N, C-alpha and C. Protein backbone atom coordinates (compact mmCIF):
# COMPACT_ATOMS: atom_id res chain seq x y z
N MET A 1 16.19 -11.83 7.26
CA MET A 1 16.43 -13.11 6.64
C MET A 1 16.12 -13.00 5.15
N SER A 2 16.82 -13.76 4.36
CA SER A 2 16.64 -13.66 2.92
C SER A 2 15.28 -14.22 2.50
N PRO A 3 14.68 -13.64 1.47
CA PRO A 3 13.37 -14.11 1.01
C PRO A 3 13.40 -15.55 0.52
N ARG A 4 14.49 -15.97 -0.03
CA ARG A 4 14.59 -17.33 -0.55
C ARG A 4 14.43 -18.36 0.57
N LYS A 5 15.02 -18.10 1.72
CA LYS A 5 14.91 -19.01 2.86
C LYS A 5 13.50 -19.00 3.45
N MET A 6 12.87 -17.82 3.46
CA MET A 6 11.54 -17.71 4.06
C MET A 6 10.46 -18.29 3.16
N ARG A 7 10.64 -18.21 1.83
CA ARG A 7 9.62 -18.72 0.91
C ARG A 7 9.43 -20.22 1.03
N VAL A 8 10.48 -20.94 1.34
CA VAL A 8 10.39 -22.39 1.50
C VAL A 8 9.40 -22.73 2.62
N ILE A 9 9.48 -22.02 3.72
CA ILE A 9 8.59 -22.26 4.85
C ILE A 9 7.20 -21.72 4.57
N ALA A 10 7.09 -20.57 3.91
CA ALA A 10 5.79 -19.98 3.61
C ALA A 10 4.99 -20.88 2.68
N ASN A 11 5.64 -21.57 1.77
CA ASN A 11 4.93 -22.46 0.85
C ASN A 11 4.31 -23.66 1.56
N VAL A 12 4.89 -24.05 2.69
CA VAL A 12 4.37 -25.19 3.44
C VAL A 12 3.02 -24.86 4.08
N VAL A 13 2.85 -23.63 4.57
CA VAL A 13 1.64 -23.28 5.31
C VAL A 13 0.60 -22.54 4.48
N ARG A 14 0.86 -22.31 3.22
CA ARG A 14 -0.08 -21.59 2.37
C ARG A 14 -1.40 -22.37 2.26
N ASN A 15 -2.54 -21.64 2.40
CA ASN A 15 -3.91 -22.18 2.29
C ASN A 15 -4.27 -23.19 3.37
N LYS A 16 -3.62 -23.13 4.52
CA LYS A 16 -3.96 -24.01 5.64
C LYS A 16 -4.70 -23.22 6.71
N LYS A 17 -5.35 -23.93 7.62
CA LYS A 17 -5.99 -23.28 8.76
C LYS A 17 -4.90 -22.74 9.68
N VAL A 18 -5.24 -21.69 10.43
CA VAL A 18 -4.25 -21.02 11.28
C VAL A 18 -3.70 -21.98 12.33
N GLU A 19 -4.56 -22.73 12.99
CA GLU A 19 -4.09 -23.65 14.03
C GLU A 19 -3.17 -24.73 13.46
N GLU A 20 -3.54 -25.26 12.30
CA GLU A 20 -2.72 -26.29 11.66
C GLU A 20 -1.37 -25.72 11.24
N ALA A 21 -1.36 -24.50 10.71
CA ALA A 21 -0.12 -23.87 10.27
C ALA A 21 0.81 -23.60 11.45
N VAL A 22 0.26 -23.09 12.54
CA VAL A 22 1.09 -22.81 13.72
C VAL A 22 1.64 -24.11 14.30
N GLY A 23 0.84 -25.17 14.28
CA GLY A 23 1.31 -26.47 14.76
C GLY A 23 2.47 -27.00 13.92
N LEU A 24 2.36 -26.85 12.60
CA LEU A 24 3.45 -27.28 11.72
C LEU A 24 4.71 -26.46 11.94
N LEU A 25 4.54 -25.15 12.08
CA LEU A 25 5.69 -24.27 12.22
C LEU A 25 6.42 -24.48 13.54
N ASP A 26 5.68 -24.85 14.60
CA ASP A 26 6.32 -25.08 15.90
C ASP A 26 7.26 -26.28 15.86
N LEU A 27 7.01 -27.22 14.94
CA LEU A 27 7.83 -28.42 14.87
C LEU A 27 9.00 -28.29 13.88
N MET A 28 9.04 -27.21 13.12
CA MET A 28 10.11 -27.04 12.14
C MET A 28 11.36 -26.45 12.78
N PRO A 29 12.54 -26.98 12.44
CA PRO A 29 13.78 -26.50 13.04
C PRO A 29 14.41 -25.31 12.31
N LYS A 30 13.67 -24.61 11.51
CA LYS A 30 14.20 -23.47 10.76
C LYS A 30 13.92 -22.17 11.50
N LYS A 31 14.81 -21.20 11.35
CA LYS A 31 14.63 -19.90 11.99
C LYS A 31 13.44 -19.16 11.38
N ALA A 32 13.21 -19.33 10.10
CA ALA A 32 12.11 -18.66 9.42
C ALA A 32 10.76 -19.14 9.95
N ALA A 33 10.69 -20.37 10.45
CA ALA A 33 9.44 -20.91 10.96
C ALA A 33 8.94 -20.10 12.16
N ALA A 34 9.84 -19.70 13.04
CA ALA A 34 9.45 -18.91 14.21
C ALA A 34 8.98 -17.53 13.80
N ILE A 35 9.64 -16.93 12.81
CA ILE A 35 9.27 -15.59 12.35
C ILE A 35 7.90 -15.62 11.68
N ILE A 36 7.66 -16.60 10.83
CA ILE A 36 6.37 -16.71 10.13
C ILE A 36 5.26 -17.07 11.10
N SER A 37 5.54 -17.91 12.07
CA SER A 37 4.55 -18.27 13.07
C SER A 37 4.10 -17.05 13.86
N LYS A 38 5.03 -16.22 14.23
CA LYS A 38 4.71 -14.99 14.97
C LYS A 38 3.82 -14.07 14.14
N ALA A 39 4.12 -13.96 12.84
CA ALA A 39 3.32 -13.11 11.95
C ALA A 39 1.90 -13.67 11.78
N ILE A 40 1.78 -14.99 11.67
CA ILE A 40 0.45 -15.61 11.52
C ILE A 40 -0.37 -15.41 12.78
N LYS A 41 0.24 -15.59 13.95
CA LYS A 41 -0.47 -15.37 15.21
C LYS A 41 -0.94 -13.93 15.33
N SER A 42 -0.10 -13.00 14.91
CA SER A 42 -0.46 -11.59 14.96
C SER A 42 -1.62 -11.28 14.01
N ALA A 43 -1.58 -11.84 12.81
CA ALA A 43 -2.65 -11.61 11.84
C ALA A 43 -3.97 -12.20 12.34
N ALA A 44 -3.90 -13.37 12.98
CA ALA A 44 -5.11 -14.00 13.51
C ALA A 44 -5.68 -13.18 14.66
N ALA A 45 -4.82 -12.66 15.53
CA ALA A 45 -5.28 -11.83 16.64
C ALA A 45 -5.90 -10.54 16.13
N ASN A 46 -5.31 -9.94 15.09
CA ASN A 46 -5.87 -8.72 14.51
C ASN A 46 -7.23 -9.00 13.88
N ALA A 47 -7.37 -10.12 13.18
CA ALA A 47 -8.64 -10.47 12.54
C ALA A 47 -9.72 -10.70 13.60
N GLU A 48 -9.34 -11.35 14.68
CA GLU A 48 -10.30 -11.63 15.76
C GLU A 48 -10.73 -10.34 16.44
N ASP A 49 -9.79 -9.43 16.63
CA ASP A 49 -10.09 -8.17 17.30
C ASP A 49 -10.94 -7.26 16.42
N ARG A 50 -10.63 -7.18 15.14
CA ARG A 50 -11.36 -6.29 14.24
C ARG A 50 -12.75 -6.78 13.91
N SER A 51 -12.97 -8.09 13.99
CA SER A 51 -14.30 -8.61 13.68
C SER A 51 -15.25 -8.47 14.86
N GLY A 52 -14.76 -8.06 15.98
CA GLY A 52 -15.60 -7.90 17.16
C GLY A 52 -15.96 -9.22 17.81
N GLY A 53 -15.11 -10.22 17.62
CA GLY A 53 -15.36 -11.52 18.22
C GLY A 53 -16.11 -12.48 17.31
N ASP A 54 -16.46 -12.05 16.09
CA ASP A 54 -17.18 -12.93 15.17
C ASP A 54 -16.28 -14.03 14.62
N ALA A 55 -15.04 -13.72 14.36
CA ALA A 55 -14.10 -14.70 13.80
C ALA A 55 -13.27 -15.29 14.93
N SER A 56 -13.26 -16.62 15.01
CA SER A 56 -12.44 -17.28 16.02
C SER A 56 -11.24 -17.92 15.32
N VAL A 57 -10.24 -18.27 16.10
CA VAL A 57 -9.01 -18.82 15.53
C VAL A 57 -9.29 -20.16 14.83
N GLU A 58 -10.30 -20.88 15.30
CA GLU A 58 -10.61 -22.19 14.71
C GLU A 58 -11.12 -22.07 13.28
N THR A 59 -11.77 -20.96 12.96
CA THR A 59 -12.35 -20.81 11.62
C THR A 59 -11.44 -20.06 10.65
N LEU A 60 -10.39 -19.45 11.14
CA LEU A 60 -9.52 -18.63 10.28
C LEU A 60 -8.62 -19.51 9.42
N ARG A 61 -8.41 -19.07 8.19
CA ARG A 61 -7.57 -19.75 7.22
C ARG A 61 -6.61 -18.73 6.62
N ILE A 62 -5.41 -19.19 6.29
CA ILE A 62 -4.43 -18.31 5.66
C ILE A 62 -4.83 -18.12 4.21
N HIS A 63 -5.27 -16.92 3.89
CA HIS A 63 -5.74 -16.62 2.53
C HIS A 63 -4.57 -16.27 1.62
N LEU A 64 -3.62 -15.51 2.14
CA LEU A 64 -2.47 -15.07 1.35
C LEU A 64 -1.26 -14.97 2.26
N ILE A 65 -0.17 -15.52 1.81
CA ILE A 65 1.11 -15.32 2.50
C ILE A 65 2.16 -15.11 1.42
N SER A 66 2.83 -13.98 1.49
CA SER A 66 3.84 -13.68 0.47
C SER A 66 5.10 -13.13 1.13
N VAL A 67 6.21 -13.48 0.54
CA VAL A 67 7.51 -13.02 1.01
C VAL A 67 8.18 -12.29 -0.15
N ASP A 68 8.36 -11.00 0.01
CA ASP A 68 8.99 -10.17 -1.02
C ASP A 68 10.34 -9.68 -0.52
N GLY A 69 11.20 -9.37 -1.45
CA GLY A 69 12.52 -8.88 -1.10
C GLY A 69 12.48 -7.48 -0.52
N GLY A 70 13.29 -7.25 0.47
CA GLY A 70 13.39 -5.93 1.09
C GLY A 70 14.70 -5.26 0.69
N THR A 71 15.15 -4.37 1.54
CA THR A 71 16.40 -3.68 1.26
C THR A 71 17.59 -4.64 1.42
N ILE A 72 18.65 -4.33 0.75
CA ILE A 72 19.87 -5.14 0.83
C ILE A 72 20.97 -4.27 1.43
N ALA A 73 21.47 -4.70 2.58
CA ALA A 73 22.59 -4.00 3.21
C ALA A 73 23.88 -4.54 2.60
N LYS A 74 24.64 -3.69 1.98
CA LYS A 74 25.85 -4.11 1.28
C LYS A 74 27.07 -3.86 2.15
N ARG A 75 27.87 -4.90 2.33
CA ARG A 75 29.07 -4.83 3.14
C ARG A 75 30.26 -5.31 2.32
N TRP A 76 31.45 -4.99 2.78
CA TRP A 76 32.67 -5.40 2.10
C TRP A 76 33.51 -6.26 3.02
N MET A 77 34.11 -7.31 2.47
CA MET A 77 35.03 -8.15 3.23
C MET A 77 36.40 -8.09 2.56
N PRO A 78 37.41 -7.67 3.29
CA PRO A 78 38.74 -7.58 2.69
C PRO A 78 39.28 -8.96 2.31
N ARG A 79 39.97 -9.01 1.18
CA ARG A 79 40.60 -10.23 0.70
C ARG A 79 42.08 -9.95 0.45
N SER A 80 42.78 -10.95 0.06
CA SER A 80 44.22 -10.81 -0.14
C SER A 80 44.55 -9.92 -1.34
N MET A 81 45.71 -9.39 -1.32
CA MET A 81 46.27 -8.59 -2.41
C MET A 81 45.42 -7.35 -2.71
N GLY A 82 44.83 -6.75 -1.68
CA GLY A 82 44.11 -5.50 -1.83
C GLY A 82 42.73 -5.61 -2.44
N ARG A 83 42.23 -6.81 -2.61
CA ARG A 83 40.91 -6.98 -3.19
C ARG A 83 39.84 -6.94 -2.10
N ALA A 84 38.59 -6.92 -2.54
CA ALA A 84 37.47 -6.94 -1.58
C ALA A 84 36.30 -7.68 -2.22
N ASN A 85 35.60 -8.44 -1.41
CA ASN A 85 34.38 -9.14 -1.84
C ASN A 85 33.18 -8.47 -1.22
N ARG A 86 32.10 -8.39 -1.96
CA ARG A 86 30.88 -7.78 -1.44
C ARG A 86 30.02 -8.85 -0.77
N ILE A 87 29.45 -8.51 0.38
CA ILE A 87 28.52 -9.38 1.10
C ILE A 87 27.18 -8.67 1.14
N ASN A 88 26.14 -9.34 0.69
CA ASN A 88 24.80 -8.77 0.69
C ASN A 88 24.00 -9.35 1.85
N HIS A 89 23.56 -8.51 2.76
CA HIS A 89 22.67 -8.93 3.84
C HIS A 89 21.25 -8.65 3.37
N ARG A 90 20.58 -9.70 2.93
CA ARG A 90 19.24 -9.54 2.36
C ARG A 90 18.18 -9.51 3.45
N THR A 91 17.15 -8.71 3.21
CA THR A 91 16.00 -8.65 4.12
C THR A 91 14.75 -8.95 3.32
N SER A 92 13.64 -9.16 4.02
CA SER A 92 12.41 -9.52 3.33
C SER A 92 11.21 -8.86 3.99
N HIS A 93 10.15 -8.72 3.20
CA HIS A 93 8.87 -8.21 3.66
C HIS A 93 7.89 -9.37 3.66
N LEU A 94 7.31 -9.66 4.81
CA LEU A 94 6.37 -10.76 4.96
C LEU A 94 4.96 -10.21 5.06
N THR A 95 4.05 -10.72 4.22
CA THR A 95 2.66 -10.31 4.24
C THR A 95 1.78 -11.53 4.50
N VAL A 96 0.94 -11.45 5.53
CA VAL A 96 0.04 -12.55 5.87
C VAL A 96 -1.39 -11.99 5.92
N VAL A 97 -2.30 -12.63 5.17
CA VAL A 97 -3.71 -12.26 5.18
C VAL A 97 -4.51 -13.48 5.59
N VAL A 98 -5.29 -13.35 6.65
CA VAL A 98 -6.15 -14.47 7.09
C VAL A 98 -7.61 -14.08 6.89
N THR A 99 -8.44 -15.08 6.62
CA THR A 99 -9.86 -14.87 6.43
C THR A 99 -10.64 -16.05 6.99
N ASP A 100 -11.92 -15.82 7.27
CA ASP A 100 -12.74 -16.92 7.78
C ASP A 100 -13.58 -17.56 6.68
N GLU A 101 -13.32 -17.19 5.42
CA GLU A 101 -14.01 -17.80 4.29
C GLU A 101 -13.32 -19.09 3.90
N LYS A 102 -14.04 -19.96 3.24
CA LYS A 102 -13.46 -21.26 2.86
C LYS A 102 -12.65 -21.15 1.60
């Protein structure tokens, strides 16, 4: 998915608690909401596992969420009179950092 579409959703959940962010994303009708929600849940599970049980989902907060541009798959679409238009299939890199600090 293009970074431009994902950034709109990422800006909504920035600096929120994990539970609140996942609740908001579950109600959004955008495709990016499901992708970002999955990444946040994964980051929270990793933080909980690495802390040895010290950090719970209730205390975790989204410290950083960034969407950067990835590779662009370039395709061609034939047009009339021997011409061609380029179609760019954009991808993105999603980074989510959660912490239990305020």
